C-alpha atoms as a PDB file:
ATOM      1  CA  ASP A   1      37.084 -32.265  23.622  1.00  0.00           C
ATOM      2  CA  LEU A   2      37.346 -28.709  22.401  1.00  0.00           C
ATOM      3  CA  GLN A   3      33.998 -27.861  22.676  1.00  0.00           C
ATOM      4  CA  VAL A   4      34.510 -28.286  26.635  1.00  0.00           C
ATOM      5  CA  ALA A   5      37.942 -26.386  26.365  1.00  0.00           C
ATOM      6  CA  TYR A   6      36.174 -23.625  24.411  1.00  0.00           C
ATOM      7  CA  GLY A   7      33.403 -23.161  27.073  1.00  0.00           C
ATOM      8  CA  TRP A   8      35.744 -23.636  29.831  1.00  0.00           C
ATOM      9  CA  HIS A   9      37.914 -20.483  28.239  1.00  0.00           C
ATOM     10  CA  MET A  10      34.655 -18.226  27.999  1.00  0.00           C
ATOM     11  CA  ARG A  11      33.492 -18.989  31.176  1.00  0.00           C
ATOM     12  CA  ALA A  12      37.019 -18.222  32.855  1.00  0.00           C
ATOM     13  CA  ALA A  13      37.189 -15.019  30.834  1.00  0.00           C
ATOM     14  CA  ALA A  14      33.432 -13.945  32.090  1.00  0.00           C
ATOM     15  CA  TRP A  15      34.842 -14.434  35.593  1.00  0.00           C
ATOM     16  CA  SER A  16      38.031 -12.471  34.923  1.00  0.00           C
ATOM     17  CA  THR A  17      36.573  -9.695  33.366  1.00  0.00           C
ATOM     18  CA  ASN A  18      36.242  -7.490  36.420  1.00  0.00           C
ATOM     19  CA  ARG A  19      39.177  -8.837  38.179  1.00  0.00           C
ATOM     20  CA  ASP A  20      42.065  -9.133  35.611  1.00  0.00           C
ATOM     21  CA  ILE A  21      41.444  -7.783  32.193  1.00  0.00           C
ATOM     22  CA  ALA A  22      44.489  -9.588  31.089  1.00  0.00           C
ATOM     23  CA  ALA A  23      43.679 -13.045  31.961  1.00  0.00           C
ATOM     24  CA  ALA A  24      40.228 -12.644  30.322  1.00  0.00           C
ATOM     25  CA  ARG A  25      41.754 -11.778  26.999  1.00  0.00           C
ATOM     26  CA  GLY A  26      44.208 -14.543  27.103  1.00  0.00           C
ATOM     27  CA  ASN A  27      41.030 -16.706  27.786  1.00  0.00           C
ATOM     28  CA  TRP A  28      38.918 -15.023  24.625  1.00  0.00           C
ATOM     29  CA  GLU A  29      41.960 -15.534  22.785  1.00  0.00           C
ATOM     30  CA  ARG A  30      42.384 -19.025  23.030  1.00  0.00           C
ATOM     31  CA  ALA A  31      38.728 -19.453  23.033  1.00  0.00           C
ATOM     32  CA  CYS A  32      39.084 -18.084  19.168  1.00  0.00           C
ATOM     33  CA  GLU A  33      41.940 -20.551  18.759  1.00  0.00           C
ATOM     34  CA  ILE A  34      39.757 -23.529  19.934  1.00  0.00           C
ATOM     35  CA  ALA A  35      36.710 -22.470  18.292  1.00  0.00           C
ATOM     36  CA  ASP A  36      38.736 -22.219  14.677  1.00  0.00           C
ATOM     37  CA  GLN A  37      39.230 -25.606  15.035  1.00  0.00           C
ATOM     38  CA  LEU A  38      35.666 -27.091  16.394  1.00  0.00           C
ATOM     39  CA  PRO A  39      33.865 -28.936  13.626  1.00  0.00           C
ATOM     40  CA  GLY A  40      30.186 -28.678  13.653  1.00  0.00           C
ATOM     41  CA  ASP A  41      27.049 -26.904  12.232  1.00  0.00           C
ATOM     42  CA  ALA A  42      27.879 -23.393  10.549  1.00  0.00           C
ATOM     43  CA  HIS A  43      25.681 -21.558  12.658  1.00  0.00           C
ATOM     44  CA  ARG A  44      26.812 -22.931  15.908  1.00  0.00           C
ATOM     45  CA  LEU A  45      30.518 -22.912  14.586  1.00  0.00           C
ATOM     46  CA  GLN A  46      29.960 -19.040  13.644  1.00  0.00           C
ATOM     47  CA  HIS A  47      28.748 -18.055  16.956  1.00  0.00           C
ATOM     48  CA  GLY A  48      31.382 -19.687  18.562  1.00  0.00           C
ATOM     49  CA  ARG A  49      34.189 -17.881  16.501  1.00  0.00           C
ATOM     50  CA  ILE A  50      32.149 -14.542  16.709  1.00  0.00           C
ATOM     51  CA  ALA A  51      31.644 -14.193  20.683  1.00  0.00           C
ATOM     52  CA  PRO A  52      35.265 -14.209  21.566  1.00  0.00           C
ATOM     53  CA  ARG A  53      36.396 -11.922  18.970  1.00  0.00           C
ATOM     54  CA  THR A  54      33.426  -9.617  20.076  1.00  0.00           C
ATOM     55  CA  MET A  55      34.621  -9.433  23.603  1.00  0.00           C
ATOM     56  CA  LEU A  56      38.389  -8.975  22.435  1.00  0.00           C
ATOM     57  CA  CYS A  57      37.200  -5.752  19.918  1.00  0.00           C
ATOM     58  CA  VAL A  58      35.524  -4.406  22.955  1.00  0.00           C
ATOM     59  CA  THR A  59      38.090  -4.593  25.453  1.00  0.00           C
ATOM     60  CA  ASP A  60      41.216  -3.370  23.536  1.00  0.00           C
ATOM     61  CA  TRP A  61      41.126  -0.344  24.682  1.00  0.00           C
ATOM     62  CA  GLN A  62      41.548  -1.592  28.018  1.00  0.00           C
ATOM     63  CA  ALA A  63      44.410  -3.665  27.096  1.00  0.00           C
ATOM     64  CA  ARG A  64      48.224  -2.331  27.425  1.00  0.00           C
ATOM     65  CA  PRO A  65      49.581  -2.201  24.642  1.00  0.00           C
ATOM     66  CA  VAL A  66      47.156  -2.738  22.192  1.00  0.00           C
ATOM     67  CA  GLN A  67      47.711  -4.955  19.177  1.00  0.00           C
ATOM     68  CA  ASN A  68      46.257  -6.525  16.244  1.00  0.00           C
ATOM     69  CA  SER A  69      42.852  -4.603  16.893  1.00  0.00           C
ATOM     70  CA  TRP A  70      42.471  -3.501  13.093  1.00  0.00           C
ATOM     71  CA  GLY A  71      42.951  -7.029  11.799  1.00  0.00           C
ATOM     72  CA  ARG A  72      40.956  -8.637  14.635  1.00  0.00           C
ATOM     73  CA  PHE A  73      38.218  -6.089  13.816  1.00  0.00           C
ATOM     74  CA  GLU A  74      38.062  -6.801  10.118  1.00  0.00           C
ATOM     75  CA  VAL A  75      38.088 -10.645  11.071  1.00  0.00           C
ATOM     76  CA  LEU A  76      34.997 -10.085  13.176  1.00  0.00           C
ATOM     77  CA  ARG A  77      33.473  -8.213  10.267  1.00  0.00           C
ATOM     78  CA  GLU A  78      33.726 -10.782   8.176  1.00  0.00           C
ATOM     79  CA  LEU A  79      32.420 -13.571  10.241  1.00  0.00           C
ATOM     80  CA  CYS A  80      29.539 -11.482  11.278  1.00  0.00           C
ATOM     81  CA  ASN A  81      28.316 -10.736   7.654  1.00  0.00           C
ATOM     82  CA  LYS A  82      28.548 -14.444   6.980  1.00  0.00           C
ATOM     83  CA  ALA A  83      26.512 -15.107   9.665  1.00  0.00           C
ATOM     84  CA  GLY A  84      24.308 -12.479   9.375  1.00  0.00           C
ATOM     85  CA  GLU A  85      24.905 -11.227  13.046  1.00  0.00           C
ATOM     86  CA  LYS A  86      24.680  -7.652  12.812  1.00  0.00           C
ATOM     87  CA  VAL A  87      24.634  -6.881  16.764  1.00  0.00           C
ATOM     88  CA  SER A  88      28.371  -8.178  17.429  1.00  0.00           C
ATOM     89  CA  LEU A  89      29.489  -5.057  14.947  1.00  0.00           C
ATOM     90  CA  ALA A  90      27.194  -2.383  17.103  1.00  0.00           C
END
């Protein structure tokens, strides 16, 4: 089930954030991939696509090397604009 897998990766990333940022980022990247495949209503789907991308953008400075930062932020900006979500861009 994609929804279960998405939730697992988001929880694993949250647990790993202060322990192993590379592992956390790997889980957020996988959550992004899963969220892009999720069926469902537009609001829930948009939030599911925004949350892991926000965390990846927030932690880009901690990644060595930083890859795809600008492209990732552009995708996040587009998703937030469609959903009317301004907090994630702050």
